[in-house]
Amino acid sequence: MNKQEKRSYTAEFRESAVNLVISSDKSTASIAKELGIKTTTLYSWVNKARDTNSKQSGSNNAQMFDELKRLKKELAEVKEQRDILKKGLVRKIHG
């Protein structure tokens, strides 16, 4: 059996390869072939990038949820103030 050497790739190469997969209409396998790397290697890079993005977006989602909650509360307060002012204006006009 022939033991293959483990190749190492720069972070820039891995990132470029992942971006190519994401932005291209070509299959991951064909891109791997063009780049001269194993398909399984490229799939693992893509999955790792997706996991990283998912974790980051999870944190962003929590922040966005908190902001949405704050804005809804603020909107309810503003609507209540508006309604109070409307009632006061109607009473003043008809009063």
N, C-alpha and C. Protein backbone atom coordinates (compact mmCIF):
# COMPACT_ATOMS: atom_id res chain seq x y z
N MET A 1 0.83 -1.18 0.00
CA MET A 1 0.00 0.00 0.00
C MET A 1 0.87 1.24 0.00
N ASN A 2 0.39 2.23 -0.71
CA ASN A 2 1.11 3.47 -0.84
C ASN A 2 0.51 4.50 0.10
N LYS A 3 1.29 4.95 1.07
CA LYS A 3 0.79 5.94 2.01
C LYS A 3 0.92 7.33 1.38
N GLN A 4 -0.22 8.03 1.31
CA GLN A 4 -0.21 9.34 0.69
C GLN A 4 0.19 10.40 1.70
N GLU A 5 0.88 11.43 1.21
CA GLU A 5 1.24 12.54 2.06
C GLU A 5 0.01 13.40 2.31
N LYS A 6 -0.07 13.92 3.51
CA LYS A 6 -1.17 14.82 3.82
C LYS A 6 -0.77 16.21 3.34
N ARG A 7 -1.57 16.73 2.42
CA ARG A 7 -1.28 18.05 1.87
C ARG A 7 -1.85 19.11 2.80
N SER A 8 -1.16 20.22 2.84
CA SER A 8 -1.67 21.32 3.64
C SER A 8 -1.94 22.52 2.72
N TYR A 9 -3.00 23.22 3.02
CA TYR A 9 -3.43 24.33 2.18
C TYR A 9 -3.51 25.59 3.05
N THR A 10 -3.24 26.72 2.43
CA THR A 10 -3.31 27.98 3.17
C THR A 10 -4.78 28.32 3.46
N ALA A 11 -4.95 29.15 4.47
CA ALA A 11 -6.30 29.59 4.82
C ALA A 11 -6.93 30.35 3.66
N GLU A 12 -6.12 31.11 2.94
CA GLU A 12 -6.63 31.88 1.80
C GLU A 12 -7.13 30.95 0.70
N PHE A 13 -6.39 29.86 0.45
CA PHE A 13 -6.81 28.90 -0.57
C PHE A 13 -8.12 28.24 -0.17
N ARG A 14 -8.22 27.82 1.09
CA ARG A 14 -9.45 27.18 1.56
C ARG A 14 -10.63 28.13 1.45
N GLU A 15 -10.42 29.38 1.87
CA GLU A 15 -11.50 30.36 1.81
C GLU A 15 -11.92 30.63 0.36
N SER A 16 -10.95 30.73 -0.53
CA SER A 16 -11.26 30.96 -1.95
C SER A 16 -12.03 29.78 -2.54
N ALA A 17 -11.62 28.58 -2.18
CA ALA A 17 -12.29 27.38 -2.68
C ALA A 17 -13.73 27.33 -2.19
N VAL A 18 -13.95 27.64 -0.92
CA VAL A 18 -15.31 27.64 -0.36
C VAL A 18 -16.16 28.71 -1.03
N ASN A 19 -15.60 29.89 -1.21
CA ASN A 19 -16.33 30.97 -1.88
C ASN A 19 -16.69 30.58 -3.31
N LEU A 20 -15.80 29.86 -3.98
CA LEU A 20 -16.06 29.39 -5.34
C LEU A 20 -17.23 28.42 -5.35
N VAL A 21 -17.28 27.52 -4.39
CA VAL A 21 -18.39 26.56 -4.29
C VAL A 21 -19.70 27.30 -4.06
N ILE A 22 -19.67 28.27 -3.16
CA ILE A 22 -20.89 28.99 -2.80
C ILE A 22 -21.40 29.85 -3.95
N SER A 23 -20.49 30.47 -4.68
CA SER A 23 -20.91 31.41 -5.72
C SER A 23 -21.06 30.80 -7.10
N SER A 24 -20.62 29.56 -7.28
CA SER A 24 -20.62 28.94 -8.60
C SER A 24 -21.84 28.04 -8.81
N ASP A 25 -22.20 27.89 -10.07
CA ASP A 25 -23.27 26.95 -10.43
C ASP A 25 -22.71 25.53 -10.60
N LYS A 26 -21.40 25.41 -10.56
CA LYS A 26 -20.76 24.10 -10.74
C LYS A 26 -20.91 23.27 -9.47
N SER A 27 -20.80 21.97 -9.64
CA SER A 27 -20.88 21.08 -8.48
C SER A 27 -19.60 21.17 -7.67
N THR A 28 -19.72 20.81 -6.41
CA THR A 28 -18.56 20.81 -5.52
C THR A 28 -17.50 19.84 -6.04
N ALA A 29 -17.95 18.70 -6.55
CA ALA A 29 -17.02 17.70 -7.08
C ALA A 29 -16.23 18.24 -8.27
N SER A 30 -16.90 18.96 -9.17
CA SER A 30 -16.18 19.47 -10.34
C SER A 30 -15.21 20.58 -9.94
N ILE A 31 -15.57 21.38 -8.97
CA ILE A 31 -14.66 22.43 -8.49
C ILE A 31 -13.45 21.80 -7.82
N ALA A 32 -13.69 20.76 -7.03
CA ALA A 32 -12.57 20.06 -6.38
C ALA A 32 -11.63 19.50 -7.42
N LYS A 33 -12.17 18.92 -8.47
CA LYS A 33 -11.34 18.35 -9.53
C LYS A 33 -10.52 19.44 -10.20
N GLU A 34 -11.16 20.58 -10.50
CA GLU A 34 -10.45 21.70 -11.13
C GLU A 34 -9.31 22.22 -10.24
N LEU A 35 -9.54 22.23 -8.94
CA LEU A 35 -8.54 22.73 -8.01
C LEU A 35 -7.49 21.69 -7.64
N GLY A 36 -7.75 20.46 -8.01
CA GLY A 36 -6.78 19.40 -7.73
C GLY A 36 -6.80 18.94 -6.28
N ILE A 37 -7.98 19.00 -5.66
CA ILE A 37 -8.09 18.53 -4.28
C ILE A 37 -9.17 17.47 -4.20
N LYS A 38 -9.17 16.73 -3.11
CA LYS A 38 -10.19 15.69 -2.93
C LYS A 38 -11.55 16.33 -2.70
N THR A 39 -12.56 15.69 -3.25
CA THR A 39 -13.93 16.18 -3.09
C THR A 39 -14.32 16.21 -1.62
N THR A 40 -13.95 15.17 -0.89
CA THR A 40 -14.29 15.11 0.53
C THR A 40 -13.63 16.25 1.32
N THR A 41 -12.43 16.63 0.91
CA THR A 41 -11.74 17.73 1.56
C THR A 41 -12.51 19.03 1.36
N LEU A 42 -12.92 19.27 0.12
CA LEU A 42 -13.66 20.50 -0.18
C LEU A 42 -15.00 20.50 0.54
N TYR A 43 -15.69 19.37 0.55
CA TYR A 43 -16.96 19.29 1.28
C TYR A 43 -16.76 19.62 2.76
N SER A 44 -15.69 19.13 3.35
CA SER A 44 -15.46 19.40 4.78
C SER A 44 -15.19 20.88 5.02
N TRP A 45 -14.47 21.54 4.10
CA TRP A 45 -14.23 22.98 4.24
C TRP A 45 -15.54 23.76 4.15
N VAL A 46 -16.39 23.37 3.19
CA VAL A 46 -17.67 24.06 3.00
C VAL A 46 -18.55 23.87 4.23
N ASN A 47 -18.63 22.65 4.74
CA ASN A 47 -19.44 22.38 5.93
C ASN A 47 -18.93 23.14 7.15
N LYS A 48 -17.62 23.20 7.30
CA LYS A 48 -17.03 23.94 8.42
C LYS A 48 -17.37 25.42 8.31
N ALA A 49 -17.30 25.97 7.11
CA ALA A 49 -17.63 27.38 6.89
C ALA A 49 -19.11 27.63 7.19
N ARG A 50 -19.97 26.72 6.79
CA ARG A 50 -21.41 26.87 7.06
C ARG A 50 -21.70 26.80 8.55
N ASP A 51 -21.01 25.89 9.25
CA ASP A 51 -21.20 25.78 10.70
C ASP A 51 -20.76 27.07 11.40
N THR A 52 -19.63 27.61 10.96
CA THR A 52 -19.12 28.85 11.55
C THR A 52 -20.10 29.99 11.30
N ASN A 53 -20.61 30.09 10.08
CA ASN A 53 -21.57 31.15 9.75
C ASN A 53 -22.86 30.96 10.53
N SER A 54 -23.27 29.72 10.72
CA SER A 54 -24.50 29.44 11.45
C SER A 54 -24.37 29.89 12.91
N LYS A 55 -23.23 29.63 13.52
CA LYS A 55 -23.01 30.04 14.91
C LYS A 55 -23.00 31.55 15.02
N GLN A 56 -22.36 32.22 14.06
CA GLN A 56 -22.31 33.68 14.08
C GLN A 56 -23.70 34.26 13.87
N SER A 57 -24.45 33.69 12.95
CA SER A 57 -25.79 34.23 12.70
C SER A 57 -26.72 33.94 13.87
N GLY A 58 -26.47 32.87 14.62
CA GLY A 58 -27.26 32.59 15.81
C GLY A 58 -27.11 33.70 16.84
N SER A 59 -25.90 34.18 17.01
CA SER A 59 -25.66 35.29 17.91
C SER A 59 -26.33 36.55 17.40
N ASN A 60 -26.23 36.78 16.10
CA ASN A 60 -26.89 37.94 15.49
C ASN A 60 -28.40 37.83 15.63
N ASN A 61 -28.94 36.63 15.49
CA ASN A 61 -30.37 36.43 15.63
C ASN A 61 -30.85 36.80 17.02
N ALA A 62 -30.08 36.45 18.03
CA ALA A 62 -30.44 36.78 19.40
C ALA A 62 -30.46 38.29 19.59
N GLN A 63 -29.47 38.97 19.03
CA GLN A 63 -29.42 40.43 19.13
C GLN A 63 -30.59 41.05 18.38
N MET A 64 -30.89 40.52 17.21
CA MET A 64 -32.01 41.04 16.43
C MET A 64 -33.33 40.80 17.15
N PHE A 65 -33.48 39.65 17.80
CA PHE A 65 -34.69 39.35 18.55
C PHE A 65 -34.86 40.35 19.70
N ASP A 66 -33.78 40.63 20.41
CA ASP A 66 -33.84 41.59 21.51
C ASP A 66 -34.22 42.97 21.00
N GLU A 67 -33.64 43.37 19.88
CA GLU A 67 -33.95 44.67 19.29
C GLU A 67 -35.41 44.72 18.85
N LEU A 68 -35.90 43.65 18.24
CA LEU A 68 -37.29 43.58 17.81
C LEU A 68 -38.23 43.71 19.01
N LYS A 69 -37.90 43.01 20.07
CA LYS A 69 -38.71 43.06 21.28
C LYS A 69 -38.75 44.49 21.84
N ARG A 70 -37.60 45.15 21.87
CA ARG A 70 -37.52 46.52 22.37
C ARG A 70 -38.35 47.47 21.49
N LEU A 71 -38.24 47.30 20.18
CA LEU A 71 -38.96 48.17 19.25
C LEU A 71 -40.47 47.96 19.33
N LYS A 72 -40.90 46.72 19.53
CA LYS A 72 -42.34 46.45 19.68
C LYS A 72 -42.88 47.12 20.93
N LYS A 73 -42.11 47.06 22.00
CA LYS A 73 -42.53 47.70 23.25
C LYS A 73 -42.61 49.21 23.06
N GLU A 74 -41.61 49.77 22.40
CA GLU A 74 -41.59 51.20 22.14
C GLU A 74 -42.77 51.61 21.25
N LEU A 75 -43.07 50.81 20.24
CA LEU A 75 -44.19 51.09 19.35
C LEU A 75 -45.51 51.08 20.12
N ALA A 76 -45.68 50.12 21.00
CA ALA A 76 -46.91 50.04 21.79
C ALA A 76 -47.06 51.29 22.66
N GLU A 77 -45.96 51.75 23.25
CA GLU A 77 -46.01 52.96 24.07
C GLU A 77 -46.38 54.19 23.24
N VAL A 78 -45.80 54.30 22.05
CA VAL A 78 -46.08 55.43 21.18
C VAL A 78 -47.54 55.40 20.72
N LYS A 79 -48.05 54.23 20.40
CA LYS A 79 -49.46 54.11 20.00
C LYS A 79 -50.38 54.53 21.15
N GLU A 80 -50.03 54.12 22.34
CA GLU A 80 -50.83 54.48 23.51
C GLU A 80 -50.83 56.00 23.70
N GLN A 81 -49.67 56.62 23.57
CA GLN A 81 -49.57 58.08 23.68
C GLN A 81 -50.39 58.76 22.59
N ARG A 82 -50.33 58.25 21.39
CA ARG A 82 -51.10 58.79 20.27
C ARG A 82 -52.60 58.72 20.56
N ASP A 83 -53.04 57.57 21.04
CA ASP A 83 -54.47 57.38 21.34
C ASP A 83 -54.93 58.34 22.43
N ILE A 84 -54.09 58.55 23.44
CA ILE A 84 -54.43 59.48 24.51
C ILE A 84 -54.56 60.90 23.95
N LEU A 85 -53.63 61.28 23.09
CA LEU A 85 -53.68 62.61 22.49
C LEU A 85 -54.90 62.77 21.59
N LYS A 86 -55.25 61.73 20.84
CA LYS A 86 -56.44 61.77 19.99
C LYS A 86 -57.69 62.00 20.82
N LYS A 87 -57.81 61.27 21.92
CA LYS A 87 -58.99 61.40 22.78
C LYS A 87 -59.07 62.80 23.36
N GLY A 88 -57.92 63.34 23.78
CA GLY A 88 -57.89 64.69 24.31
C GLY A 88 -58.26 65.72 23.27
N LEU A 89 -57.83 65.53 22.05
CA LEU A 89 -58.14 66.45 20.97
C LEU A 89 -59.62 66.40 20.62
N VAL A 90 -60.19 65.21 20.57
CA VAL A 90 -61.62 65.04 20.27
C VAL A 90 -62.45 65.71 21.35
N ARG A 91 -62.11 65.53 22.60
CA ARG A 91 -62.83 66.15 23.71
C ARG A 91 -62.76 67.67 23.64
N LYS A 92 -61.58 68.18 23.26
CA LYS A 92 -61.39 69.62 23.17
C LYS A 92 -62.25 70.21 22.05
N ILE A 93 -62.30 69.50 20.91
CA ILE A 93 -63.07 69.98 19.75
C ILE A 93 -64.56 69.91 20.06
N HIS A 94 -65.01 68.82 20.63
CA HIS A 94 -66.46 68.61 20.87
C HIS A 94 -66.88 69.10 22.25
N GLY A 95 -65.94 69.46 23.07
CA GLY A 95 -66.22 69.74 24.44
C GLY A 95 -66.77 71.04 24.75
